N, C-alpha and C. Protein backbone atom coordinates (compact mmCIF):
# COMPACT_ATOMS: atom_id res chain seq x y z
N MET A 1 0.82 -1.18 0.00
CA MET A 1 0.00 0.00 0.00
C MET A 1 0.88 1.26 0.00
N GLU A 2 2.00 1.17 0.70
CA GLU A 2 2.86 2.33 0.78
C GLU A 2 3.43 2.72 -0.59
N TYR A 3 3.51 1.76 -1.51
CA TYR A 3 3.99 2.08 -2.85
C TYR A 3 2.98 2.97 -3.57
N VAL A 4 1.71 2.66 -3.41
CA VAL A 4 0.65 3.47 -4.03
C VAL A 4 0.62 4.85 -3.40
N TYR A 5 0.74 4.90 -2.06
CA TYR A 5 0.77 6.19 -1.39
C TYR A 5 1.94 7.03 -1.88
N GLY A 6 3.08 6.40 -2.04
CA GLY A 6 4.25 7.11 -2.55
C GLY A 6 4.01 7.66 -3.94
N ALA A 7 3.37 6.86 -4.79
CA ALA A 7 3.06 7.31 -6.14
C ALA A 7 2.09 8.49 -6.11
N LEU A 8 1.10 8.42 -5.23
CA LEU A 8 0.15 9.53 -5.11
C LEU A 8 0.84 10.79 -4.59
N LEU A 9 1.77 10.62 -3.68
CA LEU A 9 2.53 11.75 -3.16
C LEU A 9 3.34 12.40 -4.27
N LEU A 10 4.00 11.59 -5.07
CA LEU A 10 4.76 12.13 -6.21
C LEU A 10 3.84 12.84 -7.18
N HIS A 11 2.68 12.27 -7.43
CA HIS A 11 1.73 12.90 -8.35
C HIS A 11 1.27 14.25 -7.83
N SER A 12 0.92 14.30 -6.54
CA SER A 12 0.43 15.57 -5.98
C SER A 12 1.53 16.62 -5.92
N ALA A 13 2.78 16.19 -5.86
CA ALA A 13 3.90 17.14 -5.86
C ALA A 13 4.30 17.55 -7.27
N GLY A 14 3.69 16.93 -8.27
CA GLY A 14 4.00 17.28 -9.65
C GLY A 14 5.29 16.63 -10.15
N LYS A 15 5.74 15.61 -9.49
CA LYS A 15 6.96 14.91 -9.89
C LYS A 15 6.62 13.73 -10.77
N ASP A 16 7.61 13.28 -11.54
CA ASP A 16 7.44 12.09 -12.36
C ASP A 16 7.35 10.87 -11.46
N ILE A 17 6.44 9.98 -11.80
CA ILE A 17 6.33 8.74 -11.05
C ILE A 17 7.19 7.71 -11.77
N ASP A 18 8.43 7.65 -11.34
CA ASP A 18 9.35 6.65 -11.89
C ASP A 18 9.99 5.88 -10.72
N ALA A 19 10.68 4.83 -11.06
CA ALA A 19 11.24 3.94 -10.04
C ALA A 19 12.20 4.68 -9.11
N GLU A 20 12.99 5.56 -9.67
CA GLU A 20 13.99 6.28 -8.87
C GLU A 20 13.32 7.21 -7.85
N ASN A 21 12.36 8.02 -8.30
CA ASN A 21 11.68 8.93 -7.38
C ASN A 21 10.87 8.18 -6.33
N LEU A 22 10.20 7.12 -6.75
CA LEU A 22 9.40 6.35 -5.82
C LEU A 22 10.29 5.65 -4.79
N LYS A 23 11.44 5.20 -5.23
CA LYS A 23 12.40 4.55 -4.33
C LYS A 23 12.87 5.54 -3.27
N LYS A 24 13.11 6.78 -3.67
CA LYS A 24 13.54 7.81 -2.72
C LYS A 24 12.45 8.10 -1.69
N VAL A 25 11.23 8.23 -2.16
CA VAL A 25 10.11 8.53 -1.25
C VAL A 25 9.94 7.40 -0.23
N LEU A 26 9.98 6.18 -0.70
CA LEU A 26 9.81 5.04 0.19
C LEU A 26 10.95 4.94 1.19
N ALA A 27 12.16 5.18 0.73
CA ALA A 27 13.32 5.11 1.62
C ALA A 27 13.22 6.18 2.70
N GLU A 28 12.78 7.37 2.34
CA GLU A 28 12.62 8.45 3.32
C GLU A 28 11.52 8.15 4.32
N ALA A 29 10.55 7.36 3.90
CA ALA A 29 9.45 6.99 4.80
C ALA A 29 9.82 5.80 5.68
N GLY A 30 11.00 5.26 5.47
CA GLY A 30 11.45 4.14 6.29
C GLY A 30 11.05 2.79 5.76
N VAL A 31 10.66 2.73 4.49
CA VAL A 31 10.26 1.47 3.87
C VAL A 31 11.41 1.00 2.98
N LYS A 32 11.76 -0.26 3.13
CA LYS A 32 12.81 -0.82 2.27
C LYS A 32 12.17 -1.18 0.94
N PRO A 33 12.50 -0.44 -0.12
CA PRO A 33 11.85 -0.66 -1.42
C PRO A 33 12.26 -1.99 -2.06
N ASP A 34 11.28 -2.63 -2.68
CA ASP A 34 11.50 -3.86 -3.43
C ASP A 34 11.49 -3.48 -4.91
N ASP A 35 12.59 -3.72 -5.61
CA ASP A 35 12.72 -3.29 -7.01
C ASP A 35 11.65 -3.88 -7.91
N ALA A 36 11.28 -5.13 -7.69
CA ALA A 36 10.26 -5.76 -8.53
C ALA A 36 8.90 -5.07 -8.35
N ARG A 37 8.55 -4.77 -7.10
CA ARG A 37 7.28 -4.10 -6.84
C ARG A 37 7.29 -2.67 -7.40
N LEU A 38 8.45 -2.00 -7.28
CA LEU A 38 8.57 -0.65 -7.83
C LEU A 38 8.33 -0.67 -9.33
N LYS A 39 9.02 -1.56 -10.01
CA LYS A 39 8.90 -1.65 -11.47
C LYS A 39 7.48 -1.98 -11.88
N SER A 40 6.87 -2.91 -11.17
CA SER A 40 5.50 -3.32 -11.48
C SER A 40 4.52 -2.15 -11.34
N LEU A 41 4.64 -1.41 -10.24
CA LEU A 41 3.74 -0.28 -10.03
C LEU A 41 3.96 0.81 -11.05
N VAL A 42 5.20 1.15 -11.29
CA VAL A 42 5.50 2.22 -12.25
C VAL A 42 5.00 1.84 -13.64
N ASP A 43 5.21 0.58 -14.04
CA ASP A 43 4.74 0.14 -15.35
C ASP A 43 3.21 0.17 -15.43
N SER A 44 2.54 -0.20 -14.36
CA SER A 44 1.08 -0.22 -14.41
C SER A 44 0.48 1.18 -14.37
N LEU A 45 1.21 2.15 -13.85
CA LEU A 45 0.68 3.52 -13.77
C LEU A 45 0.99 4.36 -14.99
N LYS A 46 1.77 3.85 -15.93
CA LYS A 46 2.15 4.65 -17.11
C LYS A 46 0.95 5.10 -17.92
N GLU A 47 -0.04 4.25 -18.08
CA GLU A 47 -1.21 4.56 -18.91
C GLU A 47 -2.39 5.11 -18.10
N VAL A 48 -2.24 5.23 -16.80
CA VAL A 48 -3.33 5.67 -15.95
C VAL A 48 -3.32 7.19 -15.81
N LYS A 49 -4.49 7.79 -15.98
CA LYS A 49 -4.63 9.23 -15.74
C LYS A 49 -5.11 9.39 -14.30
N ILE A 50 -4.16 9.65 -13.43
CA ILE A 50 -4.42 9.65 -11.99
C ILE A 50 -5.48 10.68 -11.60
N ASP A 51 -5.46 11.85 -12.22
CA ASP A 51 -6.46 12.87 -11.88
C ASP A 51 -7.88 12.37 -12.12
N GLU A 52 -8.09 11.68 -13.23
CA GLU A 52 -9.42 11.16 -13.52
C GLU A 52 -9.83 10.07 -12.53
N VAL A 53 -8.88 9.22 -12.18
CA VAL A 53 -9.17 8.15 -11.22
C VAL A 53 -9.56 8.75 -9.87
N LEU A 54 -8.84 9.79 -9.44
CA LEU A 54 -9.15 10.43 -8.17
C LEU A 54 -10.52 11.10 -8.19
N LYS A 55 -10.88 11.72 -9.31
CA LYS A 55 -12.20 12.34 -9.43
C LYS A 55 -13.31 11.29 -9.35
N ASN A 56 -13.11 10.16 -10.05
CA ASN A 56 -14.11 9.09 -10.02
C ASN A 56 -14.22 8.47 -8.63
N ALA A 57 -13.09 8.35 -7.95
CA ALA A 57 -13.11 7.78 -6.60
C ALA A 57 -13.84 8.72 -5.64
N ALA A 58 -13.64 10.01 -5.80
CA ALA A 58 -14.33 10.98 -4.94
C ALA A 58 -15.83 10.94 -5.19
N ALA A 59 -16.22 10.81 -6.45
CA ALA A 59 -17.65 10.74 -6.77
C ALA A 59 -18.26 9.47 -6.20
N ALA A 60 -17.54 8.38 -6.25
CA ALA A 60 -18.05 7.12 -5.72
C ALA A 60 -18.16 7.18 -4.20
N ALA A 61 -17.23 7.85 -3.56
CA ALA A 61 -17.26 7.97 -2.10
C ALA A 61 -18.45 8.80 -1.64
N VAL A 62 -18.82 9.80 -2.42
CA VAL A 62 -19.97 10.64 -2.08
C VAL A 62 -21.26 9.86 -2.29
N ALA A 63 -21.32 9.04 -3.33
CA ALA A 63 -22.54 8.30 -3.65
C ALA A 63 -22.74 7.11 -2.72
N ALA A 64 -21.70 6.56 -2.17
CA ALA A 64 -21.81 5.36 -1.33
C ALA A 64 -22.69 5.56 -0.09
N PRO A 65 -22.52 6.63 0.69
CA PRO A 65 -23.39 6.78 1.86
C PRO A 65 -24.86 6.96 1.48
N ALA A 66 -25.13 7.59 0.37
CA ALA A 66 -26.51 7.77 -0.05
C ALA A 66 -27.14 6.42 -0.39
N ALA A 67 -26.36 5.52 -0.93
CA ALA A 67 -26.87 4.20 -1.28
C ALA A 67 -27.07 3.35 -0.03
N ALA A 68 -26.35 3.63 1.02
CA ALA A 68 -26.45 2.84 2.24
C ALA A 68 -27.73 3.14 3.02
N ALA A 69 -28.29 4.31 2.86
CA ALA A 69 -29.48 4.71 3.62
C ALA A 69 -30.67 3.78 3.40
N PRO A 70 -31.00 3.39 2.17
CA PRO A 70 -32.13 2.47 1.99
C PRO A 70 -31.90 1.12 2.67
N ALA A 71 -30.68 0.65 2.69
CA ALA A 71 -30.38 -0.62 3.34
C ALA A 71 -30.65 -0.52 4.84
N GLU A 72 -30.29 0.59 5.45
CA GLU A 72 -30.54 0.79 6.87
C GLU A 72 -32.05 0.86 7.14
N LYS A 73 -32.78 1.46 6.23
CA LYS A 73 -34.23 1.56 6.40
C LYS A 73 -34.86 0.17 6.36
N LYS A 74 -34.36 -0.68 5.46
CA LYS A 74 -34.88 -2.04 5.38
C LYS A 74 -34.59 -2.81 6.66
N LYS A 75 -33.41 -2.62 7.23
CA LYS A 75 -33.07 -3.30 8.49
C LYS A 75 -34.01 -2.86 9.60
N ALA A 76 -34.30 -1.58 9.65
CA ALA A 76 -35.21 -1.07 10.68
C ALA A 76 -36.61 -1.66 10.50
N GLU A 77 -37.05 -1.78 9.25
CA GLU A 77 -38.37 -2.35 8.98
C GLU A 77 -38.42 -3.81 9.41
N LYS A 78 -37.35 -4.57 9.15
CA LYS A 78 -37.30 -5.98 9.53
C LYS A 78 -37.34 -6.12 11.05
N LYS A 79 -36.63 -5.24 11.76
CA LYS A 79 -36.65 -5.29 13.22
C LYS A 79 -38.06 -5.01 13.73
N GLU A 80 -38.73 -4.05 13.12
CA GLU A 80 -40.09 -3.71 13.54
C GLU A 80 -41.03 -4.89 13.30
N GLU A 81 -40.87 -5.56 12.16
CA GLU A 81 -41.71 -6.73 11.87
C GLU A 81 -41.46 -7.84 12.89
N ALA A 82 -40.21 -8.04 13.25
CA ALA A 82 -39.87 -9.08 14.23
C ALA A 82 -40.50 -8.77 15.58
N LYS A 83 -40.50 -7.50 15.97
CA LYS A 83 -41.13 -7.11 17.24
C LYS A 83 -42.63 -7.38 17.20
N GLU A 84 -43.26 -7.05 16.08
CA GLU A 84 -44.70 -7.28 15.96
C GLU A 84 -45.03 -8.76 16.03
N GLU A 85 -44.21 -9.62 15.40
CA GLU A 85 -44.44 -11.06 15.44
C GLU A 85 -44.32 -11.58 16.87
N LYS A 86 -43.34 -11.07 17.62
CA LYS A 86 -43.17 -11.49 19.01
C LYS A 86 -44.38 -11.10 19.85
N LYS A 87 -44.92 -9.90 19.59
CA LYS A 87 -46.10 -9.45 20.33
C LYS A 87 -47.29 -10.35 20.03
N GLU A 88 -47.45 -10.73 18.77
CA GLU A 88 -48.56 -11.60 18.38
C GLU A 88 -48.42 -12.96 19.05
N GLU A 89 -47.21 -13.50 19.08
CA GLU A 89 -46.99 -14.80 19.72
C GLU A 89 -47.29 -14.71 21.22
N ALA A 90 -46.87 -13.63 21.85
CA ALA A 90 -47.14 -13.46 23.28
C ALA A 90 -48.63 -13.38 23.53
N ASN A 91 -49.36 -12.66 22.68
CA ASN A 91 -50.82 -12.55 22.84
C ASN A 91 -51.49 -13.91 22.69
N GLU A 92 -51.03 -14.72 21.74
CA GLU A 92 -51.59 -16.05 21.54
C GLU A 92 -51.34 -16.92 22.77
N GLU A 93 -50.14 -16.85 23.32
CA GLU A 93 -49.82 -17.65 24.49
C GLU A 93 -50.68 -17.25 25.68
N GLU A 94 -50.90 -15.95 25.85
CA GLU A 94 -51.75 -15.47 26.94
C GLU A 94 -53.18 -15.98 26.76
N ALA A 95 -53.67 -15.96 25.53
CA ALA A 95 -55.02 -16.41 25.27
C ALA A 95 -55.15 -17.90 25.57
N LEU A 96 -54.16 -18.68 25.17
CA LEU A 96 -54.18 -20.11 25.44
C LEU A 96 -54.11 -20.39 26.95
N ALA A 97 -53.34 -19.61 27.65
CA ALA A 97 -53.24 -19.79 29.11
C ALA A 97 -54.58 -19.49 29.76
N GLY A 98 -55.26 -18.49 29.27
CA GLY A 98 -56.58 -18.15 29.80
C GLY A 98 -57.58 -19.25 29.55
N LEU A 99 -57.55 -19.86 28.38
CA LEU A 99 -58.47 -20.95 28.04
C LEU A 99 -58.20 -22.18 28.88
N SER A 100 -56.94 -22.45 29.14
CA SER A 100 -56.61 -23.64 29.93
C SER A 100 -57.08 -23.50 31.37
N SER A 101 -57.15 -22.30 31.87
CA SER A 101 -57.63 -22.10 33.24
C SER A 101 -59.12 -22.41 33.36
N LEU A 102 -59.86 -22.28 32.25
CA LEU A 102 -61.28 -22.60 32.25
C LEU A 102 -61.50 -24.10 32.45
N PHE A 103 -60.60 -24.89 31.87
CA PHE A 103 -60.79 -26.34 31.91
C PHE A 103 -59.86 -27.01 32.92
N GLY A 104 -59.04 -26.23 33.59
CA GLY A 104 -58.01 -26.76 34.43
C GLY A 104 -58.39 -27.43 35.62
């Protein structure tokens, strides 16, 4: 994860995201850089437009809580239904207990 953070730091600073710069950032952060991971990340980021990815991620983060609200509403409805079922069962048990006392 620190490799991605390093790449984002270089991007926000306006620096080139290459193996040498990323290696320096990681070393300064106290991470021992792995050359294979550095090369892999740098190669995979060459065709990525980081600004667009960040904009899309921000839009998704804003939309996610709005989508979660209906799920919470459904959970509340299910809890309410469960409470009502328990009340009905309790009422039935009370009625049966009353009937048994007539014949007891």
